[in-house]
C-alpha atoms as a PDB file:
ATOM      1  CA  MET A   1      51.238  81.248-202.541  1.00  0.00           C
ATOM      2  CA  THR A   2      54.050  82.398-204.441  1.00  0.00           C
ATOM      3  CA  HIS A   3      55.968  86.124-204.274  1.00  0.00           C
ATOM      4  CA  GLN A   4      54.308  87.019-207.565  1.00  0.00           C
ATOM      5  CA  ASP A   5      50.653  86.308-206.344  1.00  0.00           C
ATOM      6  CA  VAL A   6      51.468  88.457-203.448  1.00  0.00           C
ATOM      7  CA  PHE A   7      52.840  91.236-205.550  1.00  0.00           C
ATOM      8  CA  LEU A   8      49.730  91.097-207.872  1.00  0.00           C
ATOM      9  CA  ARG A   9      47.426  91.016-204.993  1.00  0.00           C
ATOM     10  CA  LEU A  10      48.917  94.086-203.299  1.00  0.00           C
ATOM     11  CA  VAL A  11      49.118  96.007-206.915  1.00  0.00           C
ATOM     12  CA  ALA A  12      45.813  95.332-207.332  1.00  0.00           C
ATOM     13  CA  ALA A  13      44.594  96.831-203.860  1.00  0.00           C
ATOM     14  CA  VAL A  14      46.507  99.855-204.195  1.00  0.00           C
ATOM     15  CA  ALA A  15      44.821 100.315-207.851  1.00  0.00           C
ATOM     16  CA  VAL A  16      41.453  99.971-206.330  1.00  0.00           C
ATOM     17  CA  GLY A  17      41.883 102.184-203.572  1.00  0.00           C
ATOM     18  CA  ALA A  18      43.528 104.647-205.960  1.00  0.00           C
ATOM     19  CA  LEU A  19      40.676 104.495-208.387  1.00  0.00           C
ATOM     20  CA  ILE A  20      38.094 105.406-205.407  1.00  0.00           C
ATOM     21  CA  GLY A  21      40.641 107.969-204.060  1.00  0.00           C
ATOM     22  CA  LEU A  22      41.013 109.533-207.564  1.00  0.00           C
ATOM     23  CA  GLU A  23      37.260 110.235-207.709  1.00  0.00           C
ATOM     24  CA  ARG A  24      37.013 111.780-204.303  1.00  0.00           C
ATOM     25  CA  GLU A  25      40.279 113.937-205.217  1.00  0.00           C
ATOM     26  CA  LEU A  26      38.758 115.005-208.145  1.00  0.00           C
ATOM     27  CA  ARG A  27      35.682 116.430-206.189  1.00  0.00           C
ATOM     28  CA  HIS A  28      38.241 118.077-203.672  1.00  0.00           C
ATOM     29  CA  LYS A  29      37.436 115.890-200.738  1.00  0.00           C
ATOM     30  CA  PRO A  30      39.901 115.802-197.790  1.00  0.00           C
ATOM     31  CA  VAL A  31      40.375 112.017-197.914  1.00  0.00           C
ATOM     32  CA  GLY A  32      41.789 111.540-201.547  1.00  0.00           C
ATOM     33  CA  LEU A  33      44.132 109.182-203.539  1.00  0.00           C
ATOM     34  CA  ARG A  34      46.807 108.296-201.080  1.00  0.00           C
ATOM     35  CA  THR A  35      44.507 107.785-198.301  1.00  0.00           C
ATOM     36  CA  MET A  36      42.389 105.363-200.075  1.00  0.00           C
ATOM     37  CA  ALA A  37      45.259 103.464-201.624  1.00  0.00           C
ATOM     38  CA  LEU A  38      46.905 103.127-198.102  1.00  0.00           C
ATOM     39  CA  VAL A  39      43.323 101.680-196.582  1.00  0.00           C
ATOM     40  CA  ALA A  40      43.224  99.322-199.680  1.00  0.00           C
ATOM     41  CA  LEU A  41      46.602  98.057-199.492  1.00  0.00           C
ATOM     42  CA  SER A  42      46.808  97.706-195.861  1.00  0.00           C
ATOM     43  CA  SER A  43      43.504  95.556-195.747  1.00  0.00           C
ATOM     44  CA  ALA A  44      44.866  93.486-198.346  1.00  0.00           C
ATOM     45  CA  MET A  45      48.110  93.044-196.333  1.00  0.00           C
ATOM     46  CA  PHE A  46      46.246  92.268-193.185  1.00  0.00           C
ATOM     47  CA  VAL A  47      44.300  89.580-195.258  1.00  0.00           C
ATOM     48  CA  LEU A  48      47.717  88.040-196.548  1.00  0.00           C
ATOM     49  CA  ILE A  49      49.234  88.115-193.278  1.00  0.00           C
ATOM     50  CA  SER A  50      46.618  85.802-192.068  1.00  0.00           C
ATOM     51  CA  LEU A  51      46.334  83.437-195.014  1.00  0.00           C
ATOM     52  CA  GLY A  52      50.042  83.036-194.735  1.00  0.00           C
ATOM     53  CA  SER A  53      50.044  82.538-190.844  1.00  0.00           C
ATOM     54  CA  SER A  54      47.184  80.402-190.652  1.00  0.00           C
ATOM     55  CA  ASP A  55      47.427  78.039-193.525  1.00  0.00           C
ATOM     56  CA  GLY A  56      44.544  79.522-195.034  1.00  0.00           C
ATOM     57  CA  SER A  57      42.548  78.946-191.654  1.00  0.00           C
ATOM     58  CA  HIS A  58      38.795  80.390-192.228  1.00  0.00           C
ATOM     59  CA  ASP A  59      39.068  81.657-188.485  1.00  0.00           C
ATOM     60  CA  ALA A  60      42.305  83.202-188.827  1.00  0.00           C
ATOM     61  CA  VAL A  61      41.141  85.300-192.009  1.00  0.00           C
ATOM     62  CA  SER A  62      37.792  85.906-190.605  1.00  0.00           C
ATOM     63  CA  ARG A  63      39.492  87.936-187.446  1.00  0.00           C
ATOM     64  CA  ALA A  64      41.659  89.735-189.552  1.00  0.00           C
ATOM     65  CA  ILE A  65      38.683  90.880-191.916  1.00  0.00           C
ATOM     66  CA  GLN A  66      36.733  91.700-188.551  1.00  0.00           C
ATOM     67  CA  GLY A  67      39.638  93.966-187.452  1.00  0.00           C
ATOM     68  CA  VAL A  68      39.982  95.646-190.818  1.00  0.00           C
ATOM     69  CA  VAL A  69      36.207  96.473-190.710  1.00  0.00           C
ATOM     70  CA  THR A  70      36.298  97.875-186.901  1.00  0.00           C
ATOM     71  CA  GLY A  71      39.575  99.942-187.852  1.00  0.00           C
ATOM     72  CA  VAL A  72      38.459 101.171-191.152  1.00  0.00           C
ATOM     73  CA  GLY A  73      34.970 102.298-189.182  1.00  0.00           C
ATOM     74  CA  PHE A  74      37.044 104.132-186.723  1.00  0.00           C
ATOM     75  CA  LEU A  75      38.975 106.010-189.763  1.00  0.00           C
ATOM     76  CA  GLY A  76      35.444 106.542-191.720  1.00  0.00           C
ATOM     77  CA  ALA A  77      33.890 107.974-188.567  1.00  0.00           C
ATOM     78  CA  GLY A  78      36.767 110.422-188.266  1.00  0.00           C
ATOM     79  CA  SER A  79      35.716 111.816-191.911  1.00  0.00           C
ATOM     80  CA  ILE A  80      32.264 112.594-190.585  1.00  0.00           C
ATOM     81  CA  MET A  81      31.251 116.299-189.471  1.00  0.00           C
ATOM     82  CA  ARG A  82      28.032 117.905-188.156  1.00  0.00           C
ATOM     83  CA  GLY A  83      27.137 120.802-190.261  1.00  0.00           C
ATOM     84  CA  GLY A  84      25.683 124.107-188.907  1.00  0.00           C
ATOM     85  CA  THR A  85      22.344 122.876-188.877  1.00  0.00           C
ATOM     86  CA  GLU A  86      20.717 119.602-187.224  1.00  0.00           C
ATOM     87  CA  GLU A  87      20.006 118.440-190.971  1.00  0.00           C
ATOM     88  CA  THR A  88      23.433 118.789-192.392  1.00  0.00           C
ATOM     89  CA  VAL A  89      26.026 115.926-192.079  1.00  0.00           C
ATOM     90  CA  HIS A  90      29.401 116.118-194.277  1.00  0.00           C
ATOM     91  CA  GLY A  91      31.418 113.373-194.907  1.00  0.00           C
ATOM     92  CA  LEU A  92      29.140 110.445-195.121  1.00  0.00           C
ATOM     93  CA  THR A  93      29.877 109.532-198.533  1.00  0.00           C
ATOM     94  CA  THR A  94      33.681 109.863-198.172  1.00  0.00           C
ATOM     95  CA  ALA A  95      33.564 107.333-194.801  1.00  0.00           C
ATOM     96  CA  ALA A  96      31.290 105.026-197.034  1.00  0.00           C
ATOM     97  CA  SER A  97      34.276 105.129-199.569  1.00  0.00           C
ATOM     98  CA  ILE A  98      36.773 104.389-197.260  1.00  0.00           C
ATOM     99  CA  TRP A  99      34.564 101.180-196.298  1.00  0.00           C
ATOM    100  CA  LEU A 100      34.660 100.610-199.904  1.00  0.00           C
ATOM    101  CA  ALA A 101      38.540 100.738-200.399  1.00  0.00           C
ATOM    102  CA  ALA A 102      38.656  98.660-197.410  1.00  0.00           C
ATOM    103  CA  ALA A 103      36.585  95.977-199.068  1.00  0.00           C
ATOM    104  CA  GLY A 104      38.030  95.960-202.262  1.00  0.00           C
ATOM    105  CA  GLY A 105      41.305  95.565-200.297  1.00  0.00           C
ATOM    106  CA  ILE A 106      40.038  92.777-198.814  1.00  0.00           C
ATOM    107  CA  ALA A 107      38.709  91.298-201.861  1.00  0.00           C
ATOM    108  CA  CYS A 108      42.010  91.611-203.427  1.00  0.00           C
ATOM    109  CA  GLY A 109      43.935  89.859-200.690  1.00  0.00           C
ATOM    110  CA  LEU A 110      41.649  86.874-201.015  1.00  0.00           C
ATOM    111  CA  ALA A 111      42.070  87.278-204.922  1.00  0.00           C
ATOM    112  CA  GLU A 112      38.602  87.132-205.370  1.00  0.00           C
ATOM    113  CA  TRP A 113      38.718  89.151-208.649  1.00  0.00           C
ATOM    114  CA  PRO A 114      35.092  89.020-209.884  1.00  0.00           C
ATOM    115  CA  LEU A 115      34.072  90.673-206.349  1.00  0.00           C
ATOM    116  CA  VAL A 116      36.821  93.383-207.021  1.00  0.00           C
ATOM    117  CA  ALA A 117      35.922  94.189-210.611  1.00  0.00           C
ATOM    118  CA  PHE A 118      32.021  94.501-209.965  1.00  0.00           C
ATOM    119  CA  GLY A 119      32.069  95.661-206.452  1.00  0.00           C
ATOM    120  CA  CYS A 120      34.449  98.246-207.136  1.00  0.00           C
ATOM    121  CA  GLY A 121      33.195  99.007-210.341  1.00  0.00           C
ATOM    122  CA  LEU A 122      29.354  99.717-208.760  1.00  0.00           C
ATOM    123  CA  GLY A 123      31.067 101.574-206.168  1.00  0.00           C
ATOM    124  CA  LEU A 124      32.659 103.958-208.235  1.00  0.00           C
ATOM    125  CA  LEU A 125      29.441 104.231-210.418  1.00  0.00           C
ATOM    126  CA  VAL A 126      27.508 105.349-207.681  1.00  0.00           C
ATOM    127  CA  LEU A 127      30.145 107.947-206.522  1.00  0.00           C
ATOM    128  CA  LEU A 128      30.105 109.382-210.197  1.00  0.00           C
ATOM    129  CA  LEU A 129      26.145 109.761-209.893  1.00  0.00           C
ATOM    130  CA  ALA A 130      26.780 113.017-207.392  1.00  0.00           C
ATOM    131  CA  PRO A 131      25.547 115.393-210.341  1.00  0.00           C
ATOM    132  CA  VAL A 132      22.364 113.400-210.084  1.00  0.00           C
ATOM    133  CA  ASP A 133      22.319 113.792-206.247  1.00  0.00           C
ATOM    134  CA  ARG A 134      22.965 117.678-206.319  1.00  0.00           C
ATOM    135  CA  ILE A 135      20.042 117.944-208.765  1.00  0.00           C
ATOM    136  CA  ILE A 136      17.912 116.018-205.940  1.00  0.00           C
ATOM    137  CA  GLN A 137      19.168 117.944-203.146  1.00  0.00           C
ATOM    138  CA  HIS A 138      18.677 121.279-204.922  1.00  0.00           C
ATOM    139  CA  ARG A 139      14.959 120.295-205.473  1.00  0.00           C
ATOM    140  CA  ARG A 140      14.538 119.215-201.982  1.00  0.00           C
ATOM    141  CA  LYS A 141      15.537 122.899-200.826  1.00  0.00           C
ATOM    142  CA  THR A 142      13.191 124.765-203.333  1.00  0.00           C
ATOM    143  CA  ASP A 143      10.065 122.725-202.401  1.00  0.00           C
ATOM    144  CA  PRO A 144       7.585 124.424-200.308  1.00  0.00           C
ATOM    145  CA  PRO A 145       7.643 123.471-196.654  1.00  0.00           C
ATOM    146  CA  GLY A 146       5.571 120.131-195.555  1.00  0.00           C
ATOM    147  CA  THR A 147       5.940 119.028-199.237  1.00  0.00           C
ATOM    148  CA  ALA A 148       5.741 114.856-198.761  1.00  0.00           C
ATOM    149  CA  TYR A 149       6.309 112.645-201.858  1.00  0.00           C
END
């Protein structure tokens, strides 16, 4: 792999993470652009390190991905907070966004460009559906108790 390949993969990872983080930043969430860009960048770097040190061994790359997924799980867990009642939990979407940024970084590290484009594009689409989610949540709050659909 050339230095240009490595550079392209790392820049793409930062861009993917920054796009996801920008959406979170625009919604005034605590985990934003810089954090998501760093998560994606570091995920890509771990994959690239394993690719470079193992002559492309699938076992080494698989272990690197497993390590990223585990580490990012802890990072995401730190963004989840229980609300004032048992029914309220905050930060789940942000935690899922952190996983998406890591997955995008992994895909960039592996140069899986269709996966990067479609996966992150779909993830951003889901994040942009927030107004629809708010309408549904508001409707749930105004429904009479015991109403089931």
